[in-house]
Amino acid sequence: MHRLRATLTTFRASLLATLATLATLGAAVAAPAPPTLLGQEVRRLPVEERVVALTFNAAWDETGLAAVLATLRDRSAPATFFPTGQYAEQHPGAVRAVAAAGHGLGNHSYSHPHFTGLRPDRARAEVLRADAAIRAAAGAEPLPFFRFPYSETTPEAIARVNALGFADLEFTTDTNGYLGVSGGMTISRVVERAMAALTPGALLQLHVGSAEDAPAADRRCLDAEALPLIIDAVRSHGYRILDLRELLGDG
């Protein structure tokens, strides 16, 4: 009986903590996304100005992060990082470093699942749990931007994310640097893919870290190595690197 009472007490405490967390998460997004970005899959920003946004997904390790942040600092270029919630929990220092460097943080779900197979309640939990983890790691307010794992979107899934205050920001092109040399990529190919997508409002997707299944000899971050060349090439074509916070009036 004593053991049962202790178990029930522990369960009750856990339940109350969960309910308190969910209450907080229900109002997680303090500044909802601009209406112009809602109700759609955004693969190019709705602008005519010659601007390009640099975005980095973070779901694996910290390989390349220091180099990316150094390049962005040295070239005075803004970027937005989309970590998963698990990444934020496992690498809080990395997420905190991004925020401390003055870059924005988006949301890439908690555990990087295929959203097409998720129940609505599980999908909502993935978004909100990630938001809480990113806030805790960064000590800063994340942006109201969500990027679906594997870029798998549906109108229904986008509507659910929008209802939570997030806009769906996908990408105009992925540089594919995460594939690594073993996946047929090189620094020059990464740059070529980025430049081939150059258009007003382009969203460039790069990655921080080396792919989980990359061989030990290929544990490098091609996107980090290519970043200086990408920034210089983009600017040489008369484009400005856009801070996505400008879309919220906070840039």
Protein backbone atom coordinates (compact mmCIF):
# COMPACT_ATOMS: atom_id res chain seq x y z
CA MET A 1 0.00 0.00 0.00
CA HIS A 2 2.83 2.37 0.87
CA ARG A 3 4.49 1.67 -2.48
CA LEU A 4 1.20 2.29 -4.33
CA ARG A 5 0.66 5.56 -2.48
CA ALA A 6 4.18 6.70 -3.35
CA THR A 7 3.64 5.76 -7.00
CA LEU A 8 0.37 7.71 -7.12
CA THR A 9 2.01 10.70 -5.48
CA THR A 10 4.83 10.65 -8.04
CA PHE A 11 2.35 10.27 -10.89
CA ARG A 12 0.25 13.18 -9.60
CA ALA A 13 3.31 15.42 -9.35
CA SER A 14 4.37 14.47 -12.85
CA LEU A 15 0.88 15.10 -14.19
CA LEU A 16 0.67 18.51 -12.56
CA ALA A 17 4.08 19.44 -13.97
CA THR A 18 3.00 18.33 -17.42
CA LEU A 19 -0.22 20.32 -17.24
CA ALA A 20 1.69 23.40 -16.11
CA THR A 21 4.10 22.98 -19.01
CA LEU A 22 1.27 22.58 -21.49
CA ALA A 23 -0.42 25.69 -20.14
CA THR A 24 2.78 27.61 -20.78
CA LEU A 25 3.22 26.10 -24.22
CA GLY A 26 -0.31 27.03 -25.20
CA ALA A 27 0.81 30.65 -25.35
CA ALA A 28 4.36 29.97 -26.46
CA VAL A 29 4.45 32.24 -29.49
CA ALA A 30 4.44 35.80 -28.19
CA ALA A 31 4.72 37.38 -31.65
CA PRO A 32 2.72 35.41 -34.24
CA ALA A 33 3.92 35.18 -37.80
CA PRO A 34 2.89 37.84 -40.36
CA PRO A 35 -0.49 37.07 -41.98
CA THR A 36 1.14 37.28 -45.42
CA LEU A 37 3.10 34.10 -44.63
CA LEU A 38 0.19 32.07 -43.28
CA GLY A 39 -2.02 29.61 -45.12
CA GLN A 40 0.72 28.47 -47.48
CA GLU A 41 3.98 26.61 -47.90
CA VAL A 42 6.59 29.35 -48.18
CA ARG A 43 9.51 28.42 -50.42
CA ARG A 44 10.30 31.95 -51.53
CA LEU A 45 9.63 35.08 -49.56
CA PRO A 46 6.94 37.34 -51.05
CA VAL A 47 9.31 40.22 -51.88
CA GLU A 48 10.61 41.82 -55.04
CA GLU A 49 13.79 43.22 -53.49
CA ARG A 50 17.03 41.42 -54.31
CA VAL A 51 17.40 39.72 -50.94
CA VAL A 52 18.33 36.19 -49.89
CA ALA A 53 17.89 34.54 -46.48
CA LEU A 54 20.46 32.15 -45.05
CA THR A 55 18.97 29.37 -42.93
CA PHE A 56 20.64 26.46 -41.16
CA ASN A 57 18.98 23.28 -39.92
CA ALA A 58 20.48 21.73 -36.80
CA ALA A 59 19.54 18.17 -35.90
CA TRP A 60 22.80 16.22 -35.56
CA ASP A 61 25.98 17.55 -33.96
CA GLU A 62 27.92 20.79 -33.63
CA THR A 63 30.38 20.13 -36.46
CA GLY A 64 30.87 23.35 -38.36
CA LEU A 65 28.90 25.61 -36.02
CA ALA A 66 31.89 27.58 -34.77
CA ALA A 67 33.07 28.12 -38.36
CA VAL A 68 29.58 29.19 -39.48
CA LEU A 69 29.23 31.70 -36.65
CA ALA A 70 32.73 33.06 -37.33
CA THR A 71 31.98 33.54 -41.02
CA LEU A 72 28.67 35.25 -40.31
CA ARG A 73 30.41 37.55 -37.83
CA ASP A 74 33.34 38.38 -40.09
CA ARG A 75 31.05 39.12 -43.04
CA SER A 76 28.35 40.85 -41.00
CA ALA A 77 25.72 38.48 -42.35
CA PRO A 78 22.55 37.46 -40.48
CA ALA A 79 21.11 33.96 -40.50
CA THR A 80 18.29 31.96 -38.95
CA PHE A 81 18.90 28.57 -37.38
CA PHE A 82 16.25 25.84 -37.19
CA PRO A 83 17.24 23.38 -34.44
CA THR A 84 15.13 20.47 -33.32
CA GLY A 85 14.06 20.35 -29.71
CA GLN A 86 16.23 17.31 -29.10
CA TYR A 87 19.21 19.17 -30.53
CA ALA A 88 18.51 22.05 -28.16
CA GLU A 89 18.42 19.66 -25.21
CA GLN A 90 21.54 17.76 -26.25
CA HIS A 91 23.54 20.80 -27.37
CA PRO A 92 22.23 23.74 -25.31
CA GLY A 93 25.55 25.55 -25.59
CA ALA A 94 25.29 25.52 -29.38
CA VAL A 95 21.80 27.00 -29.36
CA ARG A 96 22.84 29.57 -26.77
CA ALA A 97 25.86 30.52 -28.91
CA VAL A 98 23.58 31.15 -31.91
CA ALA A 99 21.33 33.43 -29.85
CA ALA A 100 24.31 35.20 -28.26
CA ALA A 101 25.73 35.90 -31.71
CA GLY A 102 22.52 37.74 -32.55
CA HIS A 103 20.93 35.27 -34.97
CA GLY A 104 17.32 34.15 -35.06
CA LEU A 105 16.06 30.73 -34.02
CA GLY A 106 13.25 28.91 -35.79
CA ASN A 107 11.58 25.59 -34.98
CA HIS A 108 12.33 22.27 -36.72
CA SER A 109 10.09 20.04 -34.53
CA TYR A 110 11.16 18.18 -31.40
CA SER A 111 12.22 14.76 -32.72
CA HIS A 112 12.30 15.27 -36.51
CA PRO A 113 9.48 12.83 -37.38
CA HIS A 114 7.57 12.42 -40.63
CA PHE A 115 4.61 14.73 -40.00
CA THR A 116 2.48 13.08 -42.66
CA GLY A 117 1.95 10.13 -40.33
CA LEU A 118 1.32 12.05 -37.10
CA ARG A 119 -1.98 12.48 -35.29
CA PRO A 120 -2.95 16.16 -34.83
CA ASP A 121 -2.23 16.06 -31.08
CA ARG A 122 1.22 14.56 -31.63
CA ALA A 123 2.03 17.12 -34.32
CA ARG A 124 1.06 19.94 -31.99
CA ALA A 125 3.20 18.47 -29.22
CA GLU A 126 6.19 18.21 -31.58
CA VAL A 127 5.99 21.94 -32.34
CA LEU A 128 5.36 23.14 -28.81
CA ARG A 129 7.82 20.84 -27.10
CA ALA A 130 10.53 22.02 -29.49
CA ASP A 131 9.60 25.63 -28.81
CA ALA A 132 9.99 25.07 -25.07
CA ALA A 133 13.34 23.30 -25.49
CA ILE A 134 14.72 26.03 -27.76
CA ARG A 135 13.62 28.76 -25.35
CA ALA A 136 15.24 26.97 -22.43
CA ALA A 137 18.53 26.45 -24.26
CA ALA A 138 18.74 29.89 -25.90
CA GLY A 139 17.41 32.03 -23.10
CA ALA A 140 15.80 34.04 -25.89
CA GLU A 141 12.52 34.30 -27.78
CA PRO A 142 12.42 32.03 -30.84
CA LEU A 143 10.96 33.33 -34.09
CA PRO A 144 7.43 32.26 -35.17
CA PHE A 145 8.81 30.21 -38.07
CA PHE A 146 8.51 26.44 -38.44
CA ARG A 147 10.24 24.15 -40.91
CA PHE A 148 8.85 20.66 -41.45
CA PRO A 149 11.25 17.71 -41.13
CA TYR A 150 12.12 16.33 -44.56
CA SER A 151 10.16 19.32 -45.93
CA GLU A 152 7.06 17.10 -45.89
CA THR A 153 4.10 19.44 -45.82
CA THR A 154 0.37 19.09 -46.30
CA PRO A 155 -2.30 21.81 -46.21
CA GLU A 156 -3.69 20.26 -43.03
CA ALA A 157 -0.30 20.15 -41.30
CA ILE A 158 0.44 23.75 -42.29
CA ALA A 159 -2.94 24.87 -40.94
CA ARG A 160 -2.17 23.25 -37.58
CA VAL A 161 1.21 24.95 -37.38
CA ASN A 162 -0.36 28.27 -38.38
CA ALA A 163 -2.96 27.86 -35.63
CA LEU A 164 -0.09 27.78 -33.12
CA GLY A 165 1.21 31.10 -34.47
CA PHE A 166 3.97 29.75 -36.71
CA ALA A 167 4.47 30.33 -40.43
CA ASP A 168 5.80 27.44 -42.49
CA LEU A 169 9.15 28.49 -43.97
CA GLU A 170 10.65 25.80 -46.18
CA PHE A 171 13.40 26.55 -48.72
CA THR A 172 13.98 27.53 -52.31
CA THR A 173 16.91 25.12 -52.47
CA ASP A 174 18.91 22.89 -50.18
CA THR A 175 22.63 23.14 -50.86
CA ASN A 176 22.91 19.38 -50.12
CA GLY A 177 26.15 19.97 -48.28
CA TYR A 178 24.94 17.61 -45.57
CA LEU A 179 25.42 14.69 -48.00
CA GLY A 180 29.16 15.13 -47.61
CA VAL A 181 31.94 14.06 -49.91
CA SER A 182 30.84 10.45 -49.58
CA GLY A 183 27.46 11.53 -50.92
CA GLY A 184 28.98 13.10 -54.02
CA MET A 185 29.12 16.70 -52.81
CA THR A 186 32.00 19.16 -52.89
CA ILE A 187 32.38 22.75 -51.75
CA SER A 188 32.03 23.99 -55.32
CA ARG A 189 28.83 22.01 -55.84
CA VAL A 190 27.37 23.44 -52.65
CA VAL A 191 28.08 26.96 -53.93
CA GLU A 192 26.69 26.14 -57.37
CA ARG A 193 23.40 24.89 -55.91
CA ALA A 194 23.04 28.04 -53.83
CA MET A 195 23.73 30.34 -56.76
CA ALA A 196 21.43 28.44 -59.11
CA ALA A 197 18.54 29.35 -56.80
CA LEU A 198 19.41 33.05 -56.64
CA THR A 199 16.15 34.99 -56.96
CA PRO A 200 14.47 37.76 -54.95
CA GLY A 201 13.28 36.26 -51.67
CA ALA A 202 15.21 33.00 -51.99
CA LEU A 203 15.47 30.86 -48.86
CA LEU A 204 18.74 28.94 -48.84
CA GLN A 205 18.82 25.86 -46.63
CA LEU A 206 22.16 24.73 -45.25
CA HIS A 207 22.98 22.44 -42.33
CA VAL A 208 25.09 22.58 -39.20
CA GLY A 209 26.67 19.26 -38.33
CA SER A 210 27.66 16.14 -40.15
CA ALA A 211 24.99 13.66 -41.17
CA GLU A 212 24.27 10.89 -38.67
CA ASP A 213 25.14 8.14 -41.11
CA ALA A 214 28.24 9.81 -42.55
CA PRO A 215 31.39 7.65 -42.41
CA ALA A 216 33.97 8.64 -39.80
CA ALA A 217 36.30 9.94 -42.52
CA ASP A 218 33.57 12.30 -43.75
CA ARG A 219 32.79 14.05 -40.48
CA ARG A 220 33.01 17.56 -41.83
CA CYS A 221 30.51 20.31 -42.60
CA LEU A 222 30.70 21.26 -46.27
CA ASP A 223 28.09 23.98 -45.77
CA ALA A 224 30.35 25.70 -43.23
CA GLU A 225 33.29 25.48 -45.59
CA ALA A 226 31.25 26.82 -48.52
CA LEU A 227 29.54 29.63 -46.58
CA PRO A 228 32.16 32.37 -47.16
CA LEU A 229 32.03 31.70 -50.90
CA ILE A 230 28.22 31.72 -50.92
CA ILE A 231 27.97 35.03 -49.08
CA ASP A 232 30.56 36.69 -51.32
CA ALA A 233 28.93 35.34 -54.48
CA VAL A 234 25.43 36.41 -53.41
CA ARG A 235 26.62 39.92 -52.67
CA SER A 236 28.64 40.13 -55.89
CA HIS A 237 25.34 39.65 -57.75
CA GLY A 238 23.83 42.66 -56.01
CA TYR A 239 21.82 40.75 -53.38
CA ARG A 240 21.51 41.59 -49.71
CA ILE A 241 21.48 38.95 -46.96
CA LEU A 242 18.10 39.36 -45.27
CA ASP A 243 17.50 38.93 -41.56
CA LEU A 244 14.15 37.12 -41.32
CA ARG A 245 13.29 39.25 -38.31
CA GLU A 246 12.75 42.09 -40.76
CA LEU A 247 9.54 40.30 -41.72
CA LEU A 248 8.34 40.89 -38.17
CA GLY A 249 9.40 44.52 -38.09
CA ASP A 250 12.20 43.67 -35.65
CA GLY A 251 15.16 43.62 -38.04
